[in-house]
C-alpha atoms as a PDB file:
ATOM      1  CA  MET A   1      17.160  -0.479   7.366  1.00  0.00           C
ATOM      2  CA  VAL A   2      17.632   0.595   3.776  1.00  0.00           C
ATOM      3  CA  SER A   3      16.945   4.234   3.003  1.00  0.00           C
ATOM      4  CA  ILE A   4      14.494   4.783   0.159  1.00  0.00           C
ATOM      5  CA  GLY A   5      15.067   8.523  -0.027  1.00  0.00           C
ATOM      6  CA  THR A   6      16.585  11.586   1.585  1.00  0.00           C
ATOM      7  CA  VAL A   7      15.463  14.705   3.433  1.00  0.00           C
ATOM      8  CA  GLN A   8      15.925  17.663   1.089  1.00  0.00           C
ATOM      9  CA  THR A   9      15.143  21.356   1.107  1.00  0.00           C
ATOM     10  CA  ILE A  10      12.611  22.117  -1.618  1.00  0.00           C
ATOM     11  CA  ILE A  11      10.745  25.129  -2.938  1.00  0.00           C
ATOM     12  CA  VAL A  12       6.949  24.874  -3.220  1.00  0.00           C
ATOM     13  CA  CYS A  13       4.266  27.280  -4.384  1.00  0.00           C
ATOM     14  CA  VAL A  14       1.696  28.288  -1.744  1.00  0.00           C
ATOM     15  CA  ASN A  15      -1.278  30.640  -1.811  1.00  0.00           C
ATOM     16  CA  GLY A  16      -0.376  34.170  -0.815  1.00  0.00           C
ATOM     17  CA  SER A  17       0.458  37.619  -2.080  1.00  0.00           C
ATOM     18  CA  GLU A  18       3.478  38.542   0.085  1.00  0.00           C
ATOM     19  CA  GLY A  19       6.825  37.152  -1.041  1.00  0.00           C
ATOM     20  CA  ASN A  20       8.738  36.087  -4.137  1.00  0.00           C
ATOM     21  CA  ALA A  21       6.440  34.807  -6.907  1.00  0.00           C
ATOM     22  CA  GLY A  22       9.349  33.281  -8.856  1.00  0.00           C
ATOM     23  CA  ALA A  23       8.027  30.604 -11.202  1.00  0.00           C
ATOM     24  CA  CYS A  24       4.722  30.204  -9.327  1.00  0.00           C
ATOM     25  CA  PRO A  25       1.310  30.906 -10.908  1.00  0.00           C
ATOM     26  CA  VAL A  26      -0.521  34.165 -10.200  1.00  0.00           C
ATOM     27  CA  GLY A  27      -1.741  34.378  -6.602  1.00  0.00           C
ATOM     28  CA  GLN A  28       0.969  32.072  -5.252  1.00  0.00           C
ATOM     29  CA  VAL A  29       4.427  32.663  -3.805  1.00  0.00           C
ATOM     30  CA  GLN A  30       7.473  30.480  -3.203  1.00  0.00           C
ATOM     31  CA  SER A  31       8.008  28.831   0.167  1.00  0.00           C
ATOM     32  CA  VAL A  32      11.069  26.871   1.290  1.00  0.00           C
ATOM     33  CA  THR A  33      10.446  23.672   3.265  1.00  0.00           C
ATOM     34  CA  GLN A  34      12.013  20.302   3.977  1.00  0.00           C
ATOM     35  CA  ALA A  35      10.537  17.101   2.597  1.00  0.00           C
ATOM     36  CA  TYR A  36      11.415  13.423   2.440  1.00  0.00           C
ATOM     37  CA  VAL A  37      12.049  12.731  -1.250  1.00  0.00           C
ATOM     38  CA  ILE A  38      12.155   9.132  -2.463  1.00  0.00           C
ATOM     39  CA  THR A  39      14.502   7.932  -5.203  1.00  0.00           C
ATOM     40  CA  PRO A  40      13.073   7.263  -8.697  1.00  0.00           C
ATOM     41  CA  SER A  41      13.716   3.516  -8.448  1.00  0.00           C
ATOM     42  CA  GLU A  42      11.853   3.295  -5.126  1.00  0.00           C
ATOM     43  CA  GLY A  43       9.096   5.517  -6.521  1.00  0.00           C
ATOM     44  CA  ALA A  44       8.454   3.009  -9.301  1.00  0.00           C
ATOM     45  CA  ARG A  45       8.241   0.192  -6.744  1.00  0.00           C
ATOM     46  CA  LEU A  46       5.802   2.171  -4.584  1.00  0.00           C
ATOM     47  CA  ASP A  47       3.679   2.974  -7.649  1.00  0.00           C
ATOM     48  CA  LEU A  48       3.255  -0.760  -8.262  1.00  0.00           C
ATOM     49  CA  LEU A  49       2.020  -1.216  -4.695  1.00  0.00           C
ATOM     50  CA  ALA A  50      -0.507   1.593  -5.096  1.00  0.00           C
ATOM     51  CA  GLU A  51      -2.456   0.026  -7.952  1.00  0.00           C
ATOM     52  CA  PRO A  52      -6.186   0.731  -7.914  1.00  0.00           C
ATOM     53  CA  TYR A  53      -8.616  -1.502  -6.014  1.00  0.00           C
ATOM     54  CA  SER A  54      -9.848  -4.468  -8.019  1.00  0.00           C
ATOM     55  CA  SER A  55     -12.972  -6.223  -6.791  1.00  0.00           C
ATOM     56  CA  ALA A  56     -12.118  -9.266  -8.938  1.00  0.00           C
ATOM     57  CA  THR A  57      -8.771  -9.621  -7.168  1.00  0.00           C
ATOM     58  CA  ALA A  58     -10.410  -9.123  -3.768  1.00  0.00           C
ATOM     59  CA  TRP A  59     -12.956 -11.849  -4.532  1.00  0.00           C
ATOM     60  CA  SER A  60     -10.150 -14.147  -5.658  1.00  0.00           C
ATOM     61  CA  PHE A  61      -8.361 -13.712  -2.324  1.00  0.00           C
ATOM     62  CA  PHE A  62     -11.609 -14.175  -0.394  1.00  0.00           C
ATOM     63  CA  GLY A  63     -12.530 -17.276  -2.401  1.00  0.00           C
ATOM     64  CA  PHE A  64      -9.126 -18.847  -1.838  1.00  0.00           C
ATOM     65  CA  ALA A  65      -9.226 -18.119   1.908  1.00  0.00           C
ATOM     66  CA  PHE A  66     -12.807 -19.400   2.272  1.00  0.00           C
ATOM     67  CA  ALA A  67     -12.142 -22.574   0.260  1.00  0.00           C
ATOM     68  CA  SER A  68      -8.958 -23.232   2.247  1.00  0.00           C
ATOM     69  CA  THR A  69     -10.821 -22.844   5.533  1.00  0.00           C
ATOM     70  CA  ILE A  70     -13.622 -25.187   4.467  1.00  0.00           C
ATOM     71  CA  GLY A  71     -11.095 -27.683   3.056  1.00  0.00           C
ATOM     72  CA  ILE A  72      -9.097 -27.773   6.293  1.00  0.00           C
ATOM     73  CA  TRP A  73     -12.320 -28.162   8.294  1.00  0.00           C
ATOM     74  CA  TRP A  74     -13.420 -31.115   6.104  1.00  0.00           C
ATOM     75  CA  LEU A  75      -9.987 -32.699   6.485  1.00  0.00           C
ATOM     76  CA  ALA A  76     -10.069 -32.321  10.278  1.00  0.00           C
ATOM     77  CA  HIS A  77     -13.665 -33.561  10.430  1.00  0.00           C
ATOM     78  CA  GLY A  78     -12.783 -36.618   8.338  1.00  0.00           C
ATOM     79  CA  ALA A  79      -9.739 -37.361  10.500  1.00  0.00           C
ATOM     80  CA  GLY A  80     -11.909 -37.031  13.605  1.00  0.00           C
ATOM     81  CA  GLU A  81     -14.462 -39.486  12.172  1.00  0.00           C
ATOM     82  CA  ILE A  82     -11.701 -41.993  11.379  1.00  0.00           C
ATOM     83  CA  ILE A  83     -10.232 -41.681  14.882  1.00  0.00           C
ATOM     84  CA  LYS A  84     -13.721 -42.036  16.391  1.00  0.00           C
ATOM     85  CA  MET A  85     -14.282 -45.192  14.284  1.00  0.00           C
ATOM     86  CA  ILE A  86     -10.933 -46.697  15.373  1.00  0.00           C
ATOM     87  CA  ARG A  87     -11.667 -46.021  19.064  1.00  0.00           C
ATOM     88  CA  SER A  88     -15.091 -47.730  18.875  1.00  0.00           C
END
């Protein structure tokens, strides 16, 4: 499996008054934690996958699936009628 990132130690700002404020806003202090950080190239690919919901696209997929289902049913029904006619 290809790795899309690495586990790294990062510094985040959390609410609190006890500790080192560092570069954090007022009322927050620094906290050290580990996080899985993805690479910039993989981040761009994931951003493309996370595009907002589009009802027009959803209806397009639904319409294609519905039309395909009906088309296959008509094809099978027609083939069944032909086979029934040949057997008679």
